Amino acid sequence: MATILIVDDEVDCRRPLAALLTHEGYEVTQARDGLEGLQRLNEKKHDLVLLDMIMPGVDGVTMLQSVRRRPEWANLPVLLVTGYHEPELLNKAKALGVQEYIFKGDTPFSRMLELIKRHLGEHHVPKRRGRKPKVRPEATHPGQTPRVVTKPHRAPPSRYYQLHLEFLDADD
């Protein structure tokens, strides 16, 4: 499975994301800032980087500049995961070759996972959420008794509604 580097100074953002990606089967490496992120990239080969934009010390844009200068990392997919909507820095990151912007508070994990898989070249089948589909009656053949699909039983009307109906009937 792919190896992903998460570079973020906020432990509360980094650890849950690392746990979820590990649960999905990825090998995850973590770094607290851009300098530590560059050290982790030197230690082993990574397939994708999730990079925070604003960090103390070496920030995400500076780390991205360093990554793009090295020929072995020039094509490394970098997804910018940030909580700040600063157009100047986002445009600078885009010019440096960041693949996606993922805003921390706005993007659910399922969407983040979809973007990660797409940039790793993996097939992603989203899990269906919400209501289950209705059961359709089976096709009937000549001579076969059709299967009847019944609707679920309705709850009786509320006491208020019953009294309201009685009140309306009393006027007649």
N, C-alpha and C. Protein backbone atom coordinates (compact mmCIF):
# COMPACT_ATOMS: atom_id res chain seq x y z
N MET A 1 0.84 -1.18 0.00
CA MET A 1 0.00 0.00 0.00
C MET A 1 0.89 1.24 0.00
N ALA A 2 0.31 2.35 -0.33
CA ALA A 2 1.04 3.61 -0.47
C ALA A 2 1.46 4.18 0.89
N THR A 3 2.52 4.98 0.85
CA THR A 3 3.01 5.67 2.03
C THR A 3 2.67 7.14 1.92
N ILE A 4 2.03 7.68 2.96
CA ILE A 4 1.57 9.06 2.97
C ILE A 4 2.25 9.81 4.10
N LEU A 5 2.74 11.00 3.80
CA LEU A 5 3.34 11.88 4.80
C LEU A 5 2.34 12.97 5.15
N ILE A 6 2.03 13.10 6.44
CA ILE A 6 1.15 14.17 6.93
C ILE A 6 2.02 15.18 7.65
N VAL A 7 2.02 16.42 7.15
CA VAL A 7 2.81 17.48 7.77
C VAL A 7 1.83 18.53 8.29
N ASP A 8 1.69 18.59 9.62
CA ASP A 8 0.76 19.52 10.26
C ASP A 8 1.23 19.78 11.68
N ASP A 9 1.20 21.03 12.10
CA ASP A 9 1.64 21.37 13.45
C ASP A 9 0.57 21.07 14.50
N GLU A 10 -0.68 20.94 14.11
CA GLU A 10 -1.76 20.68 15.05
C GLU A 10 -1.96 19.17 15.23
N VAL A 11 -1.65 18.70 16.42
CA VAL A 11 -1.79 17.27 16.73
C VAL A 11 -3.23 16.82 16.58
N ASP A 12 -4.17 17.69 16.95
CA ASP A 12 -5.59 17.34 16.88
C ASP A 12 -6.08 17.14 15.44
N CYS A 13 -5.37 17.66 14.48
CA CYS A 13 -5.71 17.44 13.07
C CYS A 13 -4.91 16.27 12.50
N ARG A 14 -3.66 16.16 12.91
CA ARG A 14 -2.75 15.18 12.34
C ARG A 14 -3.08 13.74 12.78
N ARG A 15 -3.28 13.54 14.07
CA ARG A 15 -3.47 12.18 14.59
C ARG A 15 -4.75 11.50 14.10
N PRO A 16 -5.92 12.17 14.15
CA PRO A 16 -7.11 11.48 13.65
C PRO A 16 -7.01 11.13 12.16
N LEU A 17 -6.44 12.03 11.38
CA LEU A 17 -6.28 11.76 9.96
C LEU A 17 -5.33 10.58 9.75
N ALA A 18 -4.26 10.54 10.52
CA ALA A 18 -3.32 9.42 10.43
C ALA A 18 -4.00 8.10 10.82
N ALA A 19 -4.82 8.14 11.86
CA ALA A 19 -5.52 6.93 12.30
C ALA A 19 -6.49 6.43 11.22
N LEU A 20 -7.22 7.35 10.62
CA LEU A 20 -8.17 6.96 9.58
C LEU A 20 -7.47 6.41 8.34
N LEU A 21 -6.36 7.03 7.95
CA LEU A 21 -5.62 6.54 6.79
C LEU A 21 -4.96 5.19 7.07
N THR A 22 -4.48 5.00 8.30
CA THR A 22 -3.91 3.71 8.69
C THR A 22 -4.99 2.64 8.64
N HIS A 23 -6.19 2.98 9.11
CA HIS A 23 -7.32 2.05 9.06
C HIS A 23 -7.66 1.68 7.60
N GLU A 24 -7.46 2.61 6.69
CA GLU A 24 -7.71 2.36 5.26
C GLU A 24 -6.60 1.52 4.63
N GLY A 25 -5.52 1.26 5.37
CA GLY A 25 -4.45 0.40 4.87
C GLY A 25 -3.20 1.12 4.41
N TYR A 26 -3.13 2.42 4.60
CA TYR A 26 -1.96 3.18 4.18
C TYR A 26 -0.91 3.17 5.28
N GLU A 27 0.34 3.28 4.86
CA GLU A 27 1.42 3.48 5.81
C GLU A 27 1.56 5.00 5.96
N VAL A 28 1.51 5.49 7.20
CA VAL A 28 1.47 6.92 7.44
C VAL A 28 2.69 7.35 8.24
N THR A 29 3.33 8.44 7.79
CA THR A 29 4.41 9.09 8.51
C THR A 29 3.93 10.48 8.86
N GLN A 30 4.31 10.96 10.06
CA GLN A 30 3.85 12.27 10.51
C GLN A 30 5.03 13.20 10.77
N ALA A 31 4.77 14.50 10.56
CA ALA A 31 5.77 15.53 10.85
C ALA A 31 5.07 16.75 11.41
N ARG A 32 5.76 17.48 12.33
CA ARG A 32 5.16 18.64 13.00
C ARG A 32 5.33 19.95 12.24
N ASP A 33 6.31 20.02 11.35
CA ASP A 33 6.52 21.25 10.57
C ASP A 33 7.23 20.91 9.27
N GLY A 34 7.47 21.93 8.45
CA GLY A 34 8.06 21.70 7.14
C GLY A 34 9.46 21.12 7.20
N LEU A 35 10.27 21.54 8.17
CA LEU A 35 11.63 21.03 8.29
C LEU A 35 11.62 19.54 8.62
N GLU A 36 10.78 19.16 9.58
CA GLU A 36 10.66 17.74 9.93
C GLU A 36 10.08 16.95 8.75
N GLY A 37 9.17 17.58 8.00
CA GLY A 37 8.60 16.93 6.82
C GLY A 37 9.66 16.64 5.77
N LEU A 38 10.57 17.59 5.54
CA LEU A 38 11.67 17.37 4.59
C LEU A 38 12.59 16.25 5.07
N GLN A 39 12.82 16.19 6.40
CA GLN A 39 13.64 15.10 6.95
C GLN A 39 12.97 13.75 6.71
N ARG A 40 11.65 13.68 6.92
CA ARG A 40 10.92 12.42 6.71
C ARG A 40 10.96 12.01 5.23
N LEU A 41 10.88 12.98 4.33
CA LEU A 41 10.97 12.67 2.90
C LEU A 41 12.35 12.11 2.54
N ASN A 42 13.39 12.61 3.21
CA ASN A 42 14.75 12.10 2.97
C ASN A 42 14.94 10.69 3.51
N GLU A 43 14.23 10.35 4.58
CA GLU A 43 14.39 9.06 5.23
C GLU A 43 13.84 7.90 4.41
N LYS A 44 12.70 8.10 3.75
CA LYS A 44 12.10 7.02 2.98
C LYS A 44 11.24 7.60 1.86
N LYS A 45 10.89 6.76 0.91
CA LYS A 45 10.08 7.19 -0.24
C LYS A 45 8.62 7.29 0.19
N HIS A 46 8.00 8.41 -0.16
CA HIS A 46 6.57 8.61 0.10
C HIS A 46 5.85 8.76 -1.24
N ASP A 47 4.59 8.34 -1.26
CA ASP A 47 3.80 8.40 -2.49
C ASP A 47 2.92 9.64 -2.57
N LEU A 48 2.67 10.29 -1.43
CA LEU A 48 1.81 11.47 -1.39
C LEU A 48 2.09 12.25 -0.11
N VAL A 49 1.91 13.57 -0.18
CA VAL A 49 2.11 14.42 1.00
C VAL A 49 0.82 15.22 1.24
N LEU A 50 0.35 15.18 2.49
CA LEU A 50 -0.73 16.05 2.95
C LEU A 50 -0.07 17.15 3.76
N LEU A 51 -0.15 18.38 3.28
CA LEU A 51 0.67 19.47 3.81
C LEU A 51 -0.19 20.61 4.32
N ASP A 52 0.03 20.99 5.57
CA ASP A 52 -0.63 22.17 6.14
C ASP A 52 0.09 23.41 5.61
N MET A 53 -0.65 24.49 5.44
CA MET A 53 -0.07 25.70 4.86
C MET A 53 0.59 26.58 5.92
N ILE A 54 -0.08 26.80 7.04
CA ILE A 54 0.43 27.71 8.07
C ILE A 54 0.96 26.88 9.24
N MET A 55 2.29 26.96 9.45
CA MET A 55 2.94 26.25 10.55
C MET A 55 4.08 27.12 11.07
N PRO A 56 4.44 26.97 12.34
CA PRO A 56 5.60 27.71 12.85
C PRO A 56 6.88 27.15 12.23
N GLY A 57 7.89 27.97 12.18
CA GLY A 57 9.16 27.54 11.58
C GLY A 57 9.03 27.51 10.07
N VAL A 58 9.29 26.35 9.48
CA VAL A 58 9.18 26.19 8.03
C VAL A 58 7.71 25.89 7.71
N ASP A 59 7.06 26.83 7.03
CA ASP A 59 5.64 26.65 6.72
C ASP A 59 5.47 25.76 5.48
N GLY A 60 4.21 25.51 5.13
CA GLY A 60 3.90 24.59 4.04
C GLY A 60 4.37 25.07 2.68
N VAL A 61 4.22 26.36 2.40
CA VAL A 61 4.62 26.89 1.09
C VAL A 61 6.14 26.80 0.93
N THR A 62 6.89 27.10 2.00
CA THR A 62 8.35 27.00 1.94
C THR A 62 8.79 25.56 1.74
N MET A 63 8.12 24.63 2.44
CA MET A 63 8.44 23.21 2.25
C MET A 63 8.12 22.79 0.82
N LEU A 64 7.01 23.25 0.29
CA LEU A 64 6.62 22.91 -1.07
C LEU A 64 7.66 23.42 -2.08
N GLN A 65 8.20 24.62 -1.85
CA GLN A 65 9.26 25.14 -2.72
C GLN A 65 10.48 24.22 -2.70
N SER A 66 10.86 23.77 -1.50
CA SER A 66 12.01 22.86 -1.37
C SER A 66 11.75 21.53 -2.05
N VAL A 67 10.52 21.03 -1.91
CA VAL A 67 10.16 19.74 -2.53
C VAL A 67 10.26 19.85 -4.04
N ARG A 68 9.75 20.92 -4.62
CA ARG A 68 9.74 21.07 -6.08
C ARG A 68 11.12 21.32 -6.67
N ARG A 69 12.08 21.76 -5.85
CA ARG A 69 13.45 21.97 -6.35
C ARG A 69 14.21 20.66 -6.53
N ARG A 70 13.81 19.62 -5.79
CA ARG A 70 14.51 18.34 -5.86
C ARG A 70 13.92 17.50 -6.98
N PRO A 71 14.75 17.03 -7.92
CA PRO A 71 14.24 16.26 -9.07
C PRO A 71 13.50 14.98 -8.66
N GLU A 72 13.93 14.31 -7.60
CA GLU A 72 13.28 13.05 -7.20
C GLU A 72 11.90 13.28 -6.59
N TRP A 73 11.59 14.52 -6.17
CA TRP A 73 10.29 14.83 -5.59
C TRP A 73 9.46 15.75 -6.49
N ALA A 74 9.96 16.06 -7.67
CA ALA A 74 9.29 17.03 -8.54
C ALA A 74 7.86 16.61 -8.90
N ASN A 75 7.62 15.32 -9.04
CA ASN A 75 6.28 14.83 -9.42
C ASN A 75 5.50 14.23 -8.25
N LEU A 76 6.00 14.43 -7.04
CA LEU A 76 5.33 13.91 -5.84
C LEU A 76 4.01 14.65 -5.63
N PRO A 77 2.87 13.93 -5.57
CA PRO A 77 1.59 14.62 -5.35
C PRO A 77 1.54 15.25 -3.96
N VAL A 78 1.19 16.54 -3.92
CA VAL A 78 1.07 17.27 -2.66
C VAL A 78 -0.33 17.85 -2.59
N LEU A 79 -1.06 17.48 -1.54
CA LEU A 79 -2.39 18.03 -1.30
C LEU A 79 -2.28 18.99 -0.12
N LEU A 80 -2.70 20.21 -0.33
CA LEU A 80 -2.62 21.23 0.69
C LEU A 80 -3.85 21.12 1.59
N VAL A 81 -3.62 20.80 2.85
CA VAL A 81 -4.71 20.68 3.83
C VAL A 81 -4.58 21.88 4.76
N THR A 82 -5.53 22.80 4.67
CA THR A 82 -5.39 24.03 5.43
C THR A 82 -6.72 24.50 6.01
N GLY A 83 -6.62 25.29 7.05
CA GLY A 83 -7.80 25.88 7.66
C GLY A 83 -7.95 27.34 7.30
N TYR A 84 -7.01 27.86 6.53
CA TYR A 84 -7.00 29.29 6.18
C TYR A 84 -7.37 29.50 4.72
N HIS A 85 -8.19 30.50 4.48
CA HIS A 85 -8.60 30.85 3.13
C HIS A 85 -7.84 32.12 2.73
N GLU A 86 -6.55 32.00 2.48
CA GLU A 86 -5.74 33.15 2.09
C GLU A 86 -5.41 33.03 0.60
N PRO A 87 -6.08 33.81 -0.25
CA PRO A 87 -5.90 33.67 -1.70
C PRO A 87 -4.46 33.84 -2.18
N GLU A 88 -3.70 34.75 -1.56
CA GLU A 88 -2.30 34.96 -1.99
C GLU A 88 -1.47 33.70 -1.82
N LEU A 89 -1.56 33.10 -0.62
CA LEU A 89 -0.78 31.87 -0.37
C LEU A 89 -1.30 30.70 -1.19
N LEU A 90 -2.61 30.62 -1.37
CA LEU A 90 -3.17 29.53 -2.17
C LEU A 90 -2.72 29.63 -3.63
N ASN A 91 -2.69 30.85 -4.15
CA ASN A 91 -2.21 31.04 -5.54
C ASN A 91 -0.73 30.72 -5.66
N LYS A 92 0.05 31.08 -4.64
CA LYS A 92 1.48 30.77 -4.65
C LYS A 92 1.69 29.25 -4.63
N ALA A 93 0.91 28.56 -3.79
CA ALA A 93 1.01 27.10 -3.71
C ALA A 93 0.60 26.45 -5.03
N LYS A 94 -0.44 27.01 -5.65
CA LYS A 94 -0.89 26.47 -6.94
C LYS A 94 0.20 26.64 -8.00
N ALA A 95 0.86 27.80 -7.99
CA ALA A 95 1.96 28.04 -8.94
C ALA A 95 3.12 27.07 -8.71
N LEU A 96 3.29 26.62 -7.46
CA LEU A 96 4.36 25.67 -7.14
C LEU A 96 3.98 24.22 -7.46
N GLY A 97 2.73 24.00 -7.83
CA GLY A 97 2.34 22.66 -8.26
C GLY A 97 1.59 21.84 -7.25
N VAL A 98 0.87 22.46 -6.34
CA VAL A 98 0.04 21.69 -5.42
C VAL A 98 -1.15 21.14 -6.20
N GLN A 99 -1.53 19.88 -5.94
CA GLN A 99 -2.58 19.24 -6.73
C GLN A 99 -3.98 19.66 -6.29
N GLU A 100 -4.22 19.75 -5.00
CA GLU A 100 -5.55 20.05 -4.48
C GLU A 100 -5.44 20.92 -3.23
N TYR A 101 -6.50 21.70 -2.97
CA TYR A 101 -6.67 22.39 -1.69
C TYR A 101 -7.77 21.66 -0.94
N ILE A 102 -7.49 21.29 0.27
CA ILE A 102 -8.50 20.65 1.11
C ILE A 102 -8.64 21.52 2.35
N PHE A 103 -9.82 22.09 2.56
CA PHE A 103 -10.03 22.95 3.72
C PHE A 103 -10.49 22.11 4.89
N LYS A 104 -9.76 22.20 6.00
CA LYS A 104 -9.95 21.31 7.15
C LYS A 104 -11.39 21.26 7.65
N GLY A 105 -12.01 22.39 7.86
CA GLY A 105 -13.34 22.39 8.43
C GLY A 105 -14.44 22.06 7.45
N ASP A 106 -14.16 22.19 6.15
CA ASP A 106 -15.21 22.06 5.14
C ASP A 106 -15.27 20.71 4.45
N THR A 107 -14.21 19.92 4.55
CA THR A 107 -14.12 18.70 3.75
C THR A 107 -14.28 17.46 4.63
N PRO A 108 -15.31 16.63 4.37
CA PRO A 108 -15.45 15.39 5.14
C PRO A 108 -14.35 14.40 4.77
N PHE A 109 -14.11 13.46 5.67
CA PHE A 109 -13.04 12.48 5.43
C PHE A 109 -13.29 11.67 4.17
N SER A 110 -14.55 11.36 3.87
CA SER A 110 -14.83 10.55 2.67
C SER A 110 -14.36 11.28 1.41
N ARG A 111 -14.56 12.59 1.35
CA ARG A 111 -14.10 13.37 0.18
C ARG A 111 -12.58 13.43 0.16
N MET A 112 -11.96 13.59 1.34
CA MET A 112 -10.51 13.63 1.43
C MET A 112 -9.92 12.30 0.95
N LEU A 113 -10.54 11.20 1.36
CA LEU A 113 -10.07 9.88 0.95
C LEU A 113 -10.21 9.70 -0.56
N GLU A 114 -11.30 10.20 -1.11
CA GLU A 114 -11.51 10.14 -2.56
C GLU A 114 -10.39 10.88 -3.31
N LEU A 115 -10.03 12.07 -2.84
CA LEU A 115 -8.97 12.85 -3.47
C LEU A 115 -7.61 12.16 -3.33
N ILE A 116 -7.36 11.60 -2.16
CA ILE A 116 -6.09 10.90 -1.94
C ILE A 116 -5.97 9.71 -2.89
N LYS A 117 -7.02 8.92 -2.97
CA LYS A 117 -6.99 7.74 -3.86
C LYS A 117 -6.83 8.16 -5.32
N ARG A 118 -7.50 9.23 -5.72
CA ARG A 118 -7.39 9.68 -7.11
C ARG A 118 -5.96 10.08 -7.44
N HIS A 119 -5.30 10.79 -6.53
CA HIS A 119 -3.93 11.23 -6.81
C HIS A 119 -2.90 10.12 -6.65
N LEU A 120 -3.30 9.04 -6.00
CA LEU A 120 -2.43 7.87 -5.93
C LEU A 120 -2.69 6.91 -7.09
N GLY A 121 -3.70 7.21 -7.90
CA GLY A 121 -4.04 6.37 -9.03
C GLY A 121 -4.82 5.13 -8.63
N GLU A 122 -5.47 5.16 -7.47
CA GLU A 122 -6.25 4.03 -6.99
C GLU A 122 -7.72 4.24 -7.31
N HIS A 123 -8.42 3.12 -7.45
CA HIS A 123 -9.86 3.18 -7.72
C HIS A 123 -10.58 3.40 -6.40
N HIS A 124 -11.55 4.31 -6.41
CA HIS A 124 -12.30 4.61 -5.19
C HIS A 124 -13.78 4.37 -5.42
N VAL A 125 -14.36 3.52 -4.59
CA VAL A 125 -15.81 3.29 -4.62
C VAL A 125 -16.35 3.84 -3.30
N PRO A 126 -17.07 4.97 -3.36
CA PRO A 126 -17.57 5.54 -2.10
C PRO A 126 -18.60 4.62 -1.45
N LYS A 127 -18.59 4.62 -0.13
CA LYS A 127 -19.57 3.85 0.61
C LYS A 127 -20.90 4.60 0.57
N ARG A 128 -21.95 3.84 0.32
CA ARG A 128 -23.27 4.46 0.25
C ARG A 128 -23.74 4.81 1.65
N ARG A 129 -24.21 6.02 1.80
CA ARG A 129 -24.74 6.49 3.07
C ARG A 129 -26.22 6.83 2.88
N GLY A 130 -26.97 6.87 3.95
CA GLY A 130 -28.36 7.30 3.87
C GLY A 130 -29.32 6.14 3.83
N ARG A 131 -30.48 6.38 3.26
CA ARG A 131 -31.54 5.38 3.22
C ARG A 131 -31.18 4.20 2.33
N LYS A 132 -31.67 3.06 2.73
CA LYS A 132 -31.49 1.87 1.90
C LYS A 132 -32.49 1.92 0.76
N PRO A 133 -32.13 1.38 -0.39
CA PRO A 133 -33.08 1.38 -1.51
C PRO A 133 -34.29 0.49 -1.21
N LYS A 134 -35.42 0.83 -1.83
CA LYS A 134 -36.64 0.04 -1.66
C LYS A 134 -36.46 -1.33 -2.29
N VAL A 135 -37.12 -2.31 -1.71
CA VAL A 135 -37.10 -3.65 -2.27
C VAL A 135 -38.11 -3.68 -3.40
N ARG A 136 -37.65 -4.04 -4.57
CA ARG A 136 -38.52 -4.11 -5.74
C ARG A 136 -39.13 -5.49 -5.85
N PRO A 137 -40.39 -5.58 -6.32
CA PRO A 137 -40.97 -6.91 -6.50
C PRO A 137 -40.23 -7.66 -7.60
N GLU A 138 -40.12 -8.95 -7.41
CA GLU A 138 -39.42 -9.77 -8.40
C GLU A 138 -40.27 -9.88 -9.66
N ALA A 139 -39.62 -10.05 -10.77
CA ALA A 139 -40.35 -10.21 -12.03
C ALA A 139 -41.14 -11.51 -11.99
N THR A 140 -42.36 -11.44 -12.46
CA THR A 140 -43.19 -12.65 -12.46
C THR A 140 -43.18 -13.29 -13.84
N HIS A 141 -43.26 -14.57 -13.85
CA HIS A 141 -43.33 -15.34 -15.08
C HIS A 141 -44.76 -15.85 -15.22
N PRO A 142 -45.17 -16.21 -16.42
CA PRO A 142 -46.53 -16.76 -16.59
C PRO A 142 -46.73 -17.97 -15.68
N GLY A 143 -47.84 -17.95 -14.97
CA GLY A 143 -48.15 -19.05 -14.07
C GLY A 143 -47.60 -18.87 -12.67
N GLN A 144 -46.80 -17.87 -12.46
CA GLN A 144 -46.19 -17.64 -11.15
C GLN A 144 -47.02 -16.59 -10.42
N THR A 145 -47.25 -16.80 -9.15
CA THR A 145 -48.01 -15.85 -8.34
C THR A 145 -47.13 -14.65 -8.04
N PRO A 146 -47.63 -13.43 -8.33
CA PRO A 146 -46.81 -12.26 -8.04
C PRO A 146 -46.64 -12.07 -6.54
N ARG A 147 -45.45 -11.63 -6.17
CA ARG A 147 -45.14 -11.35 -4.77
C ARG A 147 -45.69 -9.97 -4.43
N VAL A 148 -46.42 -9.87 -3.35
CA VAL A 148 -47.01 -8.60 -2.97
C VAL A 148 -46.08 -7.89 -1.99
N VAL A 149 -45.80 -6.61 -2.29
CA VAL A 149 -44.98 -5.80 -1.41
C VAL A 149 -45.92 -4.93 -0.60
N THR A 150 -45.89 -5.08 0.70
CA THR A 150 -46.78 -4.29 1.55
C THR A 150 -46.04 -3.09 2.10
N LYS A 151 -46.80 -2.03 2.32
CA LYS A 151 -46.23 -0.83 2.92
C LYS A 151 -46.15 -1.03 4.42
N PRO A 152 -45.22 -0.39 5.08
CA PRO A 152 -45.14 -0.52 6.53
C PRO A 152 -46.39 0.10 7.18
N HIS A 153 -46.76 -0.41 8.34
CA HIS A 153 -47.93 0.06 9.06
C HIS A 153 -47.71 1.50 9.52
N ARG A 154 -48.74 2.31 9.33
CA ARG A 154 -48.67 3.70 9.76
C ARG A 154 -49.00 3.80 11.24
N ALA A 155 -48.35 4.72 11.91
CA ALA A 155 -48.64 4.95 13.32
C ALA A 155 -50.02 5.60 13.44
N PRO A 156 -50.75 5.29 14.50
CA PRO A 156 -52.07 5.91 14.66
C PRO A 156 -51.93 7.43 14.82
N PRO A 157 -52.98 8.16 14.45
CA PRO A 157 -52.90 9.61 14.57
C PRO A 157 -52.75 10.04 16.03
N SER A 158 -52.13 11.19 16.22
CA SER A 158 -51.90 11.68 17.57
C SER A 158 -53.21 12.05 18.25
N ARG A 159 -53.20 12.13 19.56
CA ARG A 159 -54.40 12.48 20.32
C ARG A 159 -54.88 13.87 19.93
N TYR A 160 -53.96 14.80 19.71
CA TYR A 160 -54.32 16.15 19.30
C TYR A 160 -55.08 16.11 17.98
N TYR A 161 -54.60 15.33 17.04
CA TYR A 161 -55.25 15.23 15.73
C TYR A 161 -56.64 14.62 15.85
N GLN A 162 -56.78 13.61 16.72
CA GLN A 162 -58.09 12.99 16.94
C GLN A 162 -59.08 14.01 17.51
N LEU A 163 -58.64 14.79 18.50
CA LEU A 163 -59.51 15.79 19.10
C LEU A 163 -59.87 16.87 18.08
N HIS A 164 -58.93 17.22 17.25
CA HIS A 164 -59.17 18.22 16.22
C HIS A 164 -60.25 17.72 15.24
N LEU A 165 -60.18 16.46 14.85
CA LEU A 165 -61.18 15.89 13.95
C LEU A 165 -62.55 15.85 14.62
N GLU A 166 -62.58 15.49 15.92
CA GLU A 166 -63.84 15.48 16.65
C GLU A 166 -64.44 16.87 16.73
N PHE A 167 -63.59 17.87 16.92
CA PHE A 167 -64.04 19.25 16.99
C PHE A 167 -64.67 19.67 15.66
N LEU A 168 -64.00 19.30 14.54
CA LEU A 168 -64.53 19.63 13.24
C LEU A 168 -65.86 18.94 12.97
N ASP A 169 -66.00 17.69 13.42
CA ASP A 169 -67.25 16.95 13.24
C ASP A 169 -68.38 17.55 14.07
N ALA A 170 -68.05 18.10 15.26
CA ALA A 170 -69.06 18.67 16.15
C ALA A 170 -69.70 19.91 15.52
N ASP A 171 -68.99 20.62 14.66
CA ASP A 171 -69.56 21.82 14.03
C ASP A 171 -70.64 21.48 13.02
N ASP A 172 -70.65 20.32 12.49
CA ASP A 172 -71.61 19.94 11.44
C ASP A 172 -72.97 19.75 11.97
